[in-house]
Amino acid sequence: MTAMPSLSDPRQSQRALRFFLVEDSEVIRQNLTGTLEEMLGMQVVGWAASETDALTWLNQPHEGHEGCDLMIIDIFLAHGTGLEVLRRAREAAPGTRLVVLSNYATPEMRRRCLALGADRVFDKSAELDELIAYCETLSDTPRS
């Protein structure tokens, strides 16, 4: 017989961590979204492949970014960059965690992203496990 979780179990009342992904590679979008949803129970609320699409999403008057706990932003996109997305997201969604995931996570780019409001910067080729661990810590944080 499987034990049922207690109604007072805080994990039962905690909603899934919701994230928005700014990434132009379809393969990376699908793999990262699948990994975060399956491993951590996170919920993707949307994605954008360009700077313009991401800024449009940020400027939407409905729930949009208000229903997002985390934005994962690539810096170099096929059209535009994530740097302006990062800057505008910090202004438009001050309570949202902002994470940069880039192949260009040089020391200078890390400094620039942090100055624009990133909470963390991860290298796509070497720090995916660290990104997942970071998301896991956010998933364990109570949200309303």
Protein backbone atom coordinates (compact mmCIF):
# COMPACT_ATOMS: atom_id res chain seq x y z
CA MET A 1 0.00 0.00 0.00
CA THR A 2 1.35 3.44 -0.96
CA ALA A 3 1.21 6.14 1.68
CA MET A 4 -0.79 9.20 0.68
CA PRO A 5 0.88 12.57 1.28
CA SER A 6 -0.48 14.55 4.16
CA LEU A 7 -2.75 17.46 3.31
CA SER A 8 -0.44 19.60 5.41
CA ASP A 9 2.55 18.62 3.24
CA PRO A 10 3.82 22.00 1.91
CA ARG A 11 4.85 20.41 -1.41
CA GLN A 12 1.21 19.68 -2.15
CA SER A 13 0.22 23.35 -1.98
CA GLN A 14 3.28 24.61 -3.84
CA ARG A 15 2.74 25.25 -7.53
CA ALA A 16 5.26 24.30 -10.19
CA LEU A 17 8.10 26.72 -10.90
CA ARG A 18 7.15 28.49 -14.14
CA PHE A 19 9.75 29.57 -16.66
CA PHE A 20 10.04 31.42 -19.97
CA LEU A 21 12.85 30.48 -22.36
CA VAL A 22 14.59 32.85 -24.78
CA GLU A 23 16.51 30.55 -27.12
CA ASP A 24 16.78 30.42 -30.91
CA SER A 25 17.88 26.78 -31.19
CA GLU A 26 14.85 24.51 -31.44
CA VAL A 27 16.90 21.50 -30.31
CA ILE A 28 18.11 23.28 -27.17
CA ARG A 29 14.59 24.63 -26.45
CA GLN A 30 13.06 21.16 -26.69
CA ASN A 31 15.82 19.40 -24.72
CA LEU A 32 16.04 21.98 -21.95
CA THR A 33 12.27 22.28 -21.59
CA GLY A 34 11.88 18.50 -21.50
CA THR A 35 14.64 18.13 -18.93
CA LEU A 36 13.30 20.84 -16.60
CA GLU A 37 9.72 19.60 -16.87
CA GLU A 38 10.58 15.92 -16.35
CA MET A 39 13.36 16.20 -13.77
CA LEU A 40 12.08 19.11 -11.69
CA GLY A 41 8.37 19.35 -12.50
CA MET A 42 8.83 22.87 -13.84
CA GLN A 43 6.30 24.37 -16.26
CA VAL A 44 7.21 26.29 -19.40
CA VAL A 45 4.93 29.29 -19.87
CA GLY A 46 6.35 30.20 -23.26
CA TRP A 47 9.41 30.79 -25.35
CA ALA A 48 10.86 33.28 -27.80
CA ALA A 49 13.48 32.74 -30.49
CA SER A 50 14.33 36.41 -31.03
CA GLU A 51 14.88 39.59 -29.08
CA THR A 52 11.74 41.13 -30.60
CA ASP A 53 9.52 38.19 -29.63
CA ALA A 54 10.89 38.15 -26.08
CA LEU A 55 10.34 41.91 -25.67
CA THR A 56 6.81 41.58 -27.07
CA TRP A 57 6.07 38.91 -24.46
CA LEU A 58 7.49 41.10 -21.69
CA ASN A 59 5.30 44.02 -22.81
CA GLN A 60 2.05 42.04 -22.85
CA PRO A 61 -0.48 43.55 -20.46
CA HIS A 62 -1.93 40.20 -19.32
CA GLU A 63 -0.36 37.79 -16.83
CA GLY A 64 2.70 37.22 -19.06
CA HIS A 65 5.87 37.76 -17.04
CA GLU A 66 3.84 38.09 -13.82
CA GLY A 67 3.11 34.37 -14.13
CA CYS A 68 6.78 33.57 -14.62
CA ASP A 69 9.21 32.74 -11.82
CA LEU A 70 12.30 32.34 -13.99
CA MET A 71 13.52 33.52 -17.39
CA ILE A 72 16.35 31.61 -19.06
CA ILE A 73 17.94 33.84 -21.68
CA ASP A 74 20.47 33.07 -24.40
CA ILE A 75 22.66 36.05 -25.32
CA PHE A 76 23.33 35.55 -29.03
CA LEU A 77 20.10 34.94 -30.90
CA ALA A 78 19.48 34.58 -34.64
CA HIS A 79 17.75 37.99 -34.52
CA GLY A 80 18.95 40.39 -31.85
CA THR A 81 20.56 39.62 -28.52
CA GLY A 82 19.46 38.63 -25.07
CA LEU A 83 21.25 41.61 -23.50
CA GLU A 84 18.34 43.98 -24.14
CA VAL A 85 15.90 41.25 -23.08
CA LEU A 86 17.83 40.90 -19.83
CA ARG A 87 17.85 44.64 -19.16
CA ARG A 88 14.14 45.06 -19.95
CA ALA A 89 13.16 41.94 -17.99
CA ARG A 90 14.85 43.31 -14.86
CA GLU A 91 12.71 46.45 -15.21
CA ALA A 92 9.43 44.81 -16.28
CA ALA A 93 9.55 41.78 -13.98
CA PRO A 94 11.61 42.68 -10.91
CA GLY A 95 10.55 39.58 -8.95
CA THR A 96 11.46 37.13 -11.72
CA ARG A 97 14.78 35.30 -11.50
CA LEU A 98 16.89 35.95 -14.59
CA VAL A 99 19.39 33.38 -15.76
CA VAL A 100 21.67 33.61 -18.77
CA LEU A 101 22.54 30.38 -20.59
CA SER A 102 25.09 31.04 -23.32
CA ASN A 103 27.94 29.49 -25.27
CA TYR A 104 29.72 32.82 -24.76
CA ALA A 105 29.96 32.92 -20.97
CA THR A 106 33.36 34.62 -20.95
CA PRO A 107 34.41 36.50 -17.80
CA GLU A 108 33.60 39.82 -19.50
CA MET A 109 30.19 38.61 -20.73
CA ARG A 110 29.41 37.28 -17.24
CA ARG A 111 30.24 40.70 -15.73
CA ARG A 112 28.10 42.45 -18.33
CA CYS A 113 25.11 40.15 -17.75
CA LEU A 114 25.33 40.52 -13.98
CA ALA A 115 25.51 44.32 -14.39
CA LEU A 116 22.33 44.17 -16.51
CA GLY A 117 20.49 42.26 -13.79
CA ALA A 118 21.17 38.56 -14.30
CA ASP A 119 20.97 36.50 -11.13
CA ARG A 120 23.25 33.82 -12.58
CA VAL A 121 25.17 33.08 -15.79
CA PHE A 122 25.77 29.52 -17.04
CA ASP A 123 27.86 28.20 -19.92
CA LYS A 124 25.78 25.93 -22.21
CA SER A 125 28.70 23.68 -23.00
CA ALA A 126 30.03 23.18 -19.47
CA GLU A 127 27.48 24.18 -16.81
CA LEU A 128 24.14 22.52 -17.59
CA ASP A 129 24.32 20.46 -14.40
CA GLU A 130 24.84 23.67 -12.44
CA LEU A 131 21.82 25.26 -14.15
CA ILE A 132 19.67 22.25 -13.25
CA ALA A 133 20.91 22.37 -9.65
CA TYR A 134 20.11 26.09 -9.48
CA CYS A 135 16.61 25.47 -10.85
CA GLU A 136 16.16 22.69 -8.30
CA THR A 137 16.93 25.13 -5.47
CA LEU A 138 14.37 27.54 -6.92
CA SER A 139 11.83 24.71 -7.22
CA ASP A 140 12.24 24.00 -3.51
CA THR A 141 11.48 27.65 -2.64
CA PRO A 142 7.83 28.25 -1.67
CA ARG A 143 5.90 30.42 -4.14
CA SER A 144 2.44 31.91 -3.96
